[in-house]
């Protein structure tokens, strides 16, 4: 009987050691997986922050370029002319809101420049002629 008890004890002891080792390996794998997931999340957030930083840098560069344009003397003079604040030798020129359209044969008009009898076609007809070849 003593032999049987020792075998059971050694088998039980071996099983307990195996279960303990399996538990340690399982805990190690679970902890490694948690750390790996954490690293992946941090890398994803880092990529998002890089994209946001690049977008903000592009916006800052665009605003800097706009500020340079707004501080340009030529631009300021152009805006001043819009408010009739140009130089004294300039004559302000503004079309009235109810001004009649120019006639088709007015000097400088496209109809007069290209041909005196140019037929007018709608843009849709021009596209259909171009696409369908009629």
N, C-alpha and C. Protein backbone atom coordinates (compact mmCIF):
# COMPACT_ATOMS: atom_id res chain seq x y z
N UNK A 1 0.80 -1.20 0.00
CA UNK A 1 0.00 0.00 0.00
C UNK A 1 0.84 1.26 0.00
N UNK A 2 1.92 1.17 0.65
CA UNK A 2 2.77 2.36 0.68
C UNK A 2 3.24 2.74 -0.73
N UNK A 3 3.49 1.77 -1.53
CA UNK A 3 3.93 2.03 -2.90
C UNK A 3 2.84 2.74 -3.68
N UNK A 4 1.63 2.35 -3.50
CA UNK A 4 0.52 2.97 -4.21
C UNK A 4 0.31 4.40 -3.74
N UNK A 5 0.46 4.65 -2.47
CA UNK A 5 0.29 6.00 -1.95
C UNK A 5 1.37 6.92 -2.51
N UNK A 6 2.60 6.39 -2.55
CA UNK A 6 3.68 7.22 -3.09
C UNK A 6 3.45 7.54 -4.57
N UNK A 7 2.96 6.59 -5.30
CA UNK A 7 2.70 6.85 -6.72
C UNK A 7 1.59 7.88 -6.88
N UNK A 8 0.58 7.76 -6.13
CA UNK A 8 -0.49 8.75 -6.20
C UNK A 8 0.02 10.11 -5.76
N UNK A 9 0.79 10.14 -4.74
CA UNK A 9 1.33 11.40 -4.26
C UNK A 9 2.26 12.01 -5.29
N UNK A 10 3.12 11.24 -5.89
CA UNK A 10 4.03 11.79 -6.88
C UNK A 10 3.27 12.22 -8.13
N UNK A 11 2.25 11.48 -8.49
CA UNK A 11 1.44 11.86 -9.64
C UNK A 11 0.66 13.13 -9.32
N UNK A 12 0.13 13.21 -8.14
CA UNK A 12 -0.60 14.41 -7.75
C UNK A 12 0.35 15.59 -7.64
N UNK A 13 1.53 15.34 -7.10
CA UNK A 13 2.52 16.40 -6.97
C UNK A 13 2.95 16.88 -8.37
N UNK A 14 3.18 15.96 -9.28
CA UNK A 14 3.56 16.33 -10.65
C UNK A 14 2.45 17.10 -11.34
N UNK A 15 1.23 16.67 -11.08
CA UNK A 15 0.09 17.37 -11.69
C UNK A 15 -0.02 18.78 -11.14
N UNK A 16 0.21 18.93 -9.84
CA UNK A 16 0.16 20.27 -9.25
C UNK A 16 1.28 21.16 -9.79
N UNK A 17 2.46 20.58 -9.94
CA UNK A 17 3.57 21.35 -10.51
C UNK A 17 3.24 21.74 -11.95
N UNK A 18 2.70 20.81 -12.72
CA UNK A 18 2.33 21.10 -14.10
C UNK A 18 1.25 22.18 -14.16
N UNK A 19 0.25 22.08 -13.29
CA UNK A 19 -0.81 23.10 -13.27
C UNK A 19 -0.26 24.46 -12.87
N UNK A 20 0.66 24.47 -11.91
CA UNK A 20 1.29 25.73 -11.52
C UNK A 20 2.07 26.35 -12.67
N UNK A 21 2.85 25.52 -13.37
CA UNK A 21 3.60 26.02 -14.52
C UNK A 21 2.66 26.51 -15.63
N UNK A 22 1.61 25.75 -15.86
CA UNK A 22 0.64 26.16 -16.89
C UNK A 22 -0.02 27.48 -16.51
N UNK A 23 -0.32 27.66 -15.22
CA UNK A 23 -0.91 28.91 -14.75
C UNK A 23 0.06 30.07 -14.95
N UNK A 24 1.34 29.85 -14.63
CA UNK A 24 2.34 30.91 -14.82
C UNK A 24 2.49 31.27 -16.30
N UNK A 25 2.54 30.26 -17.15
CA UNK A 25 2.65 30.52 -18.59
C UNK A 25 1.42 31.27 -19.10
N UNK A 26 0.25 30.86 -18.63
CA UNK A 26 -0.99 31.54 -19.04
C UNK A 26 -0.98 32.99 -18.59
N UNK A 27 -0.58 33.24 -17.34
CA UNK A 27 -0.50 34.62 -16.85
C UNK A 27 0.51 35.43 -17.66
N UNK A 28 1.64 34.82 -17.99
CA UNK A 28 2.65 35.50 -18.80
C UNK A 28 2.09 35.86 -20.18
N UNK A 29 1.41 34.92 -20.81
CA UNK A 29 0.85 35.17 -22.15
C UNK A 29 -0.22 36.25 -22.09
N UNK A 30 -1.07 36.21 -21.08
CA UNK A 30 -2.13 37.22 -20.93
C UNK A 30 -1.51 38.60 -20.71
N UNK A 31 -0.51 38.69 -19.84
CA UNK A 31 0.13 39.98 -19.58
C UNK A 31 0.86 40.49 -20.82
N UNK A 32 1.51 39.58 -21.54
CA UNK A 32 2.18 39.96 -22.78
C UNK A 32 1.16 40.49 -23.79
N UNK A 33 0.02 39.83 -23.90
CA UNK A 33 -1.04 40.28 -24.81
C UNK A 33 -1.58 41.65 -24.42
N UNK A 34 -1.77 41.87 -23.12
CA UNK A 34 -2.25 43.19 -22.67
C UNK A 34 -1.24 44.28 -23.01
N UNK A 35 0.05 43.98 -22.80
CA UNK A 35 1.09 44.97 -23.13
C UNK A 35 1.14 45.22 -24.63
N UNK A 36 0.98 44.17 -25.42
CA UNK A 36 1.00 44.32 -26.87
C UNK A 36 -0.18 45.17 -27.34
N UNK A 37 -1.35 44.95 -26.79
CA UNK A 37 -2.52 45.76 -27.13
C UNK A 37 -2.29 47.21 -26.72
N UNK A 38 -1.69 47.43 -25.56
CA UNK A 38 -1.39 48.79 -25.12
C UNK A 38 -0.43 49.49 -26.06
N UNK A 39 0.59 48.78 -26.53
CA UNK A 39 1.55 49.36 -27.47
C UNK A 39 0.87 49.71 -28.78
N UNK A 40 0.00 48.84 -29.25
CA UNK A 40 -0.73 49.11 -30.50
C UNK A 40 -1.61 50.34 -30.35
N UNK A 41 -2.29 50.47 -29.21
CA UNK A 41 -3.15 51.64 -28.98
C UNK A 41 -2.31 52.92 -28.91
N UNK A 42 -1.16 52.85 -28.27
CA UNK A 42 -0.29 54.03 -28.18
C UNK A 42 0.21 54.41 -29.57
N UNK A 43 0.58 53.44 -30.38
CA UNK A 43 1.05 53.75 -31.74
C UNK A 43 -0.06 54.34 -32.59
N UNK A 44 -1.28 53.86 -32.43
CA UNK A 44 -2.42 54.42 -33.16
C UNK A 44 -2.65 55.87 -32.76
N UNK A 45 -2.62 56.13 -31.47
CA UNK A 45 -2.81 57.50 -30.99
C UNK A 45 -1.68 58.41 -31.46
N UNK A 46 -0.46 57.88 -31.50
CA UNK A 46 0.68 58.65 -31.97
C UNK A 46 0.51 59.01 -33.45
N UNK A 47 0.02 58.08 -34.25
CA UNK A 47 -0.23 58.36 -35.66
C UNK A 47 -1.32 59.43 -35.82
N UNK A 48 -2.37 59.36 -34.99
CA UNK A 48 -3.42 60.38 -35.04
C UNK A 48 -2.86 61.74 -34.68
N UNK A 49 -2.03 61.80 -33.65
CA UNK A 49 -1.46 63.08 -33.24
C UNK A 49 -0.52 63.63 -34.31
N UNK A 50 0.21 62.74 -34.99
CA UNK A 50 1.08 63.22 -36.08
C UNK A 50 0.24 63.81 -37.20
N UNK A 51 -0.87 63.15 -37.55
CA UNK A 51 -1.74 63.67 -38.61
C UNK A 51 -2.34 65.02 -38.21
N UNK A 52 -2.80 65.12 -36.96
CA UNK A 52 -3.37 66.38 -36.48
C UNK A 52 -2.31 67.48 -36.48
N UNK A 53 -1.09 67.14 -36.08
CA UNK A 53 -0.02 68.13 -36.06
C UNK A 53 0.31 68.60 -37.47
N UNK A 54 0.34 67.67 -38.43
CA UNK A 54 0.62 68.04 -39.82
C UNK A 54 -0.49 68.94 -40.37
N UNK A 55 -1.74 68.63 -40.05
CA UNK A 55 -2.86 69.47 -40.51
C UNK A 55 -2.79 70.85 -39.88
N UNK A 56 -2.49 70.91 -38.60
CA UNK A 56 -2.38 72.21 -37.93
C UNK A 56 -1.20 73.01 -38.48
N UNK A 57 -0.10 72.33 -38.80
CA UNK A 57 1.05 73.03 -39.37
C UNK A 57 0.71 73.59 -40.75
N UNK A 58 -0.01 72.81 -41.55
CA UNK A 58 -0.42 73.30 -42.87
C UNK A 58 -1.35 74.50 -42.74
N UNK A 59 -2.27 74.44 -41.78
CA UNK A 59 -3.17 75.58 -41.55
C UNK A 59 -2.40 76.80 -41.08
N UNK A 60 -1.42 76.60 -40.20
CA UNK A 60 -0.60 77.72 -39.72
C UNK A 60 0.20 78.33 -40.87
N UNK A 61 0.73 77.49 -41.76
CA UNK A 61 1.47 78.01 -42.91
C UNK A 61 0.55 78.80 -43.84
N UNK A 62 -0.66 78.30 -44.05
CA UNK A 62 -1.62 79.02 -44.91
C UNK A 62 -2.00 80.36 -44.29
N UNK A 63 -2.22 80.38 -42.98
CA UNK A 63 -2.57 81.64 -42.32
C UNK A 63 -1.40 82.61 -42.34
N UNK A 64 -0.18 82.11 -42.23
CA UNK A 64 0.99 82.98 -42.30
C UNK A 64 1.10 83.59 -43.70
N UNK A 65 0.87 82.78 -44.73
CA UNK A 65 0.91 83.30 -46.10
C UNK A 65 -0.19 84.34 -46.31
N UNK A 66 -1.37 84.10 -45.74
CA UNK A 66 -2.46 85.06 -45.87
C UNK A 66 -2.13 86.36 -45.14
N UNK A 67 -1.49 86.26 -43.98
CA UNK A 67 -1.10 87.45 -43.24
C UNK A 67 -0.08 88.27 -44.03
N UNK A 68 0.86 87.58 -44.69
CA UNK A 68 1.84 88.28 -45.51
C UNK A 68 1.13 89.01 -46.65
N UNK A 69 0.14 88.36 -47.26
CA UNK A 69 -0.62 89.00 -48.33
C UNK A 69 -1.38 90.21 -47.81
N UNK A 70 -2.01 90.07 -46.65
CA UNK A 70 -2.80 91.18 -46.11
C UNK A 70 -1.93 92.35 -45.70
N UNK A 71 -0.67 92.11 -45.37
CA UNK A 71 0.22 93.20 -44.99
C UNK A 71 0.93 93.82 -46.19
N UNK A 72 0.74 93.26 -47.39
CA UNK A 72 1.39 93.76 -48.59
C UNK A 72 0.79 95.11 -48.97
N UNK A 73 1.66 96.04 -49.34
CA UNK A 73 1.21 97.40 -49.66
C UNK A 73 0.30 97.41 -50.89
N UNK A 74 0.60 96.61 -51.90
CA UNK A 74 -0.22 96.59 -53.11
C UNK A 74 -1.63 96.10 -52.80
N UNK A 75 -1.75 95.11 -51.94
CA UNK A 75 -3.08 94.61 -51.57
C UNK A 75 -3.85 95.67 -50.79
N UNK A 76 -3.18 96.35 -49.88
CA UNK A 76 -3.84 97.39 -49.10
C UNK A 76 -4.31 98.53 -50.00
N UNK A 77 -3.50 98.89 -51.00
CA UNK A 77 -3.92 99.94 -51.93
C UNK A 77 -5.14 99.49 -52.75
N UNK A 78 -5.16 98.23 -53.14
CA UNK A 78 -6.29 97.71 -53.89
C UNK A 78 -7.57 97.75 -53.06
N UNK A 79 -7.48 97.35 -51.81
CA UNK A 79 -8.65 97.39 -50.93
C UNK A 79 -9.07 98.84 -50.70
N UNK A 80 -8.11 99.73 -50.55
CA UNK A 80 -8.43 101.15 -50.34
C UNK A 80 -9.17 101.71 -51.55
N UNK A 81 -8.78 101.29 -52.75
CA UNK A 81 -9.48 101.76 -53.95
C UNK A 81 -10.94 101.31 -53.94
N UNK A 82 -11.19 100.15 -53.38
CA UNK A 82 -12.56 99.67 -53.28
C UNK A 82 -13.42 100.56 -52.41
N UNK A 83 -12.80 101.25 -51.47
CA UNK A 83 -13.52 102.19 -50.60
C UNK A 83 -13.34 103.63 -51.05
N UNK A 84 -12.90 103.84 -52.29
CA UNK A 84 -12.66 105.18 -52.87
C UNK A 84 -11.63 105.95 -52.06
N UNK A 85 -10.62 105.27 -51.59
CA UNK A 85 -9.55 105.92 -50.83
C UNK A 85 -8.23 105.88 -51.59
N UNK A 86 -8.30 105.86 -52.93
CA UNK A 86 -7.10 105.82 -53.74
C UNK A 86 -6.40 107.18 -53.75
N UNK A 87 -5.45 107.32 -54.65
CA UNK A 87 -4.72 108.59 -54.73
C UNK A 87 -5.62 109.66 -55.36
N UNK A 88 -5.17 110.90 -55.29
CA UNK A 88 -5.99 112.02 -55.77
C UNK A 88 -6.07 112.07 -57.29
N UNK A 89 -5.13 111.46 -58.00
CA UNK A 89 -5.17 111.49 -59.46
C UNK A 89 -6.08 110.41 -60.03
N UNK A 90 -6.52 109.49 -59.22
CA UNK A 90 -7.40 108.43 -59.69
C UNK A 90 -8.85 108.90 -59.68
N UNK A 91 -9.59 108.45 -60.70
CA UNK A 91 -11.01 108.73 -60.73
C UNK A 91 -11.74 107.48 -60.30
N UNK A 92 -12.57 107.58 -59.28
CA UNK A 92 -13.30 106.38 -58.87
C UNK A 92 -14.32 106.00 -59.94
N UNK A 93 -14.45 104.71 -60.19
CA UNK A 93 -15.36 104.21 -61.21
C UNK A 93 -16.17 103.07 -60.61
N UNK A 94 -17.47 103.22 -60.62
CA UNK A 94 -18.36 102.20 -60.08
C UNK A 94 -19.56 102.11 -61.01
N UNK A 95 -19.95 100.89 -61.37
CA UNK A 95 -21.15 100.70 -62.16
C UNK A 95 -22.37 100.78 -61.25
N UNK A 96 -23.40 101.40 -61.76
CA UNK A 96 -24.64 101.48 -60.99
C UNK A 96 -25.26 100.09 -60.92
N UNK A 97 -26.00 99.86 -59.87
CA UNK A 97 -26.62 98.55 -59.68
C UNK A 97 -27.67 98.27 -60.76
N UNK A 98 -28.33 99.30 -61.26
CA UNK A 98 -29.36 99.10 -62.28
C UNK A 98 -28.86 99.43 -63.68
N UNK A 99 -27.56 99.31 -63.92
CA UNK A 99 -26.98 99.63 -65.23
C UNK A 99 -27.44 98.59 -66.25
N UNK A 100 -27.70 99.08 -67.46
CA UNK A 100 -28.13 98.19 -68.54
C UNK A 100 -26.94 97.40 -69.06
N UNK A 101 -27.16 96.18 -69.54
CA UNK A 101 -26.04 95.41 -70.09
C UNK A 101 -25.55 96.04 -71.39
N UNK A 102 -24.30 95.80 -71.72
CA UNK A 102 -23.73 96.34 -72.95
C UNK A 102 -24.37 95.66 -74.16
N UNK A 103 -24.50 96.39 -75.26
CA UNK A 103 -25.00 95.75 -76.48
C UNK A 103 -23.96 94.75 -77.00
N UNK A 104 -24.42 93.81 -77.83
CA UNK A 104 -23.52 92.76 -78.30
C UNK A 104 -22.43 93.29 -79.21
N UNK A 105 -22.68 94.39 -79.90
CA UNK A 105 -21.66 94.92 -80.80
C UNK A 105 -20.86 96.06 -80.17
N UNK A 106 -20.81 96.08 -78.84
CA UNK A 106 -20.05 97.12 -78.14
C UNK A 106 -18.56 96.93 -78.39
N UNK A 107 -17.79 98.03 -78.41
CA UNK A 107 -16.35 97.89 -78.62
C UNK A 107 -15.72 97.00 -77.55
N UNK A 108 -14.90 96.05 -78.00
CA UNK A 108 -14.22 95.15 -77.08
C UNK A 108 -15.01 93.89 -76.76
N UNK A 109 -16.23 93.78 -77.25
CA UNK A 109 -17.02 92.60 -76.94
C UNK A 109 -16.53 91.41 -77.76
N UNK A 110 -16.81 90.22 -77.29
CA UNK A 110 -16.34 89.02 -77.95
C UNK A 110 -16.96 88.82 -79.32
N UNK A 111 -18.21 89.16 -79.48
CA UNK A 111 -18.88 88.98 -80.76
C UNK A 111 -18.24 89.84 -81.82
N UNK A 112 -17.83 91.03 -81.46
CA UNK A 112 -17.23 91.93 -82.43
C UNK A 112 -15.79 91.52 -82.74
N UNK A 113 -15.10 90.96 -81.75
CA UNK A 113 -13.72 90.58 -81.94
C UNK A 113 -13.58 89.37 -82.85
N UNK A 114 -14.38 88.35 -82.67
CA UNK A 114 -14.19 87.10 -83.40
C UNK A 114 -14.87 87.12 -84.76
N UNK A 115 -16.12 87.43 -84.79
CA UNK A 115 -16.81 87.51 -86.08
C UNK A 115 -18.06 88.36 -85.88
N UNK A 116 -18.41 89.13 -86.87
CA UNK A 116 -19.58 90.00 -86.69
C UNK A 116 -20.89 89.22 -86.66
N UNK A 117 -20.95 88.06 -87.31
CA UNK A 117 -22.20 87.30 -87.35
C UNK A 117 -22.07 85.96 -86.62
N UNK A 118 -21.45 85.95 -85.47
CA UNK A 118 -21.25 84.70 -84.74
C UNK A 118 -22.57 84.24 -84.13
N UNK A 119 -23.02 83.01 -84.49
CA UNK A 119 -24.27 82.52 -83.90
C UNK A 119 -24.03 82.15 -82.43
N UNK A 120 -25.02 82.42 -81.63
CA UNK A 120 -24.89 82.09 -80.21
C UNK A 120 -25.53 80.72 -79.97
N UNK A 121 -24.81 79.86 -79.27
CA UNK A 121 -25.31 78.53 -78.93
C UNK A 121 -25.28 78.39 -77.42
N UNK A 122 -26.15 77.57 -76.94
CA UNK A 122 -26.14 77.32 -75.50
C UNK A 122 -24.96 76.41 -75.16
N UNK A 123 -24.47 76.47 -73.93
CA UNK A 123 -23.36 75.59 -73.55
C UNK A 123 -23.73 74.11 -73.68
N UNK A 124 -24.99 73.78 -73.44
CA UNK A 124 -25.42 72.38 -73.57
C UNK A 124 -25.28 71.91 -75.02
N UNK A 125 -25.68 72.77 -75.97
CA UNK A 125 -25.53 72.40 -77.38
C UNK A 125 -24.07 72.23 -77.76
N UNK A 126 -23.22 73.09 -77.23
CA UNK A 126 -21.79 72.98 -77.54
C UNK A 126 -21.22 71.68 -77.00
N UNK A 127 -21.60 71.29 -75.80
CA UNK A 127 -21.12 70.03 -75.22
C UNK A 127 -21.65 68.83 -75.99
N UNK A 128 -22.93 68.88 -76.36
CA UNK A 128 -23.49 67.77 -77.12
C UNK A 128 -22.81 67.63 -78.47
N UNK A 129 -22.52 68.75 -79.12
CA UNK A 129 -21.80 68.69 -80.40
C UNK A 129 -20.41 68.12 -80.21
N UNK A 130 -19.76 68.49 -79.14
CA UNK A 130 -18.41 68.00 -78.88
C UNK A 130 -18.41 66.51 -78.56
N UNK A 131 -19.34 66.07 -77.72
CA UNK A 131 -19.36 64.68 -77.29
C UNK A 131 -19.93 63.74 -78.35
N UNK A 132 -21.00 64.17 -79.01
CA UNK A 132 -21.67 63.29 -79.96
C UNK A 132 -21.23 63.52 -81.39
N UNK A 133 -20.53 64.60 -81.64
CA UNK A 133 -20.00 64.87 -82.97
C UNK A 133 -21.04 65.17 -84.01
N UNK A 134 -22.12 65.81 -83.64
CA UNK A 134 -23.15 66.12 -84.63
C UNK A 134 -22.96 67.49 -85.20
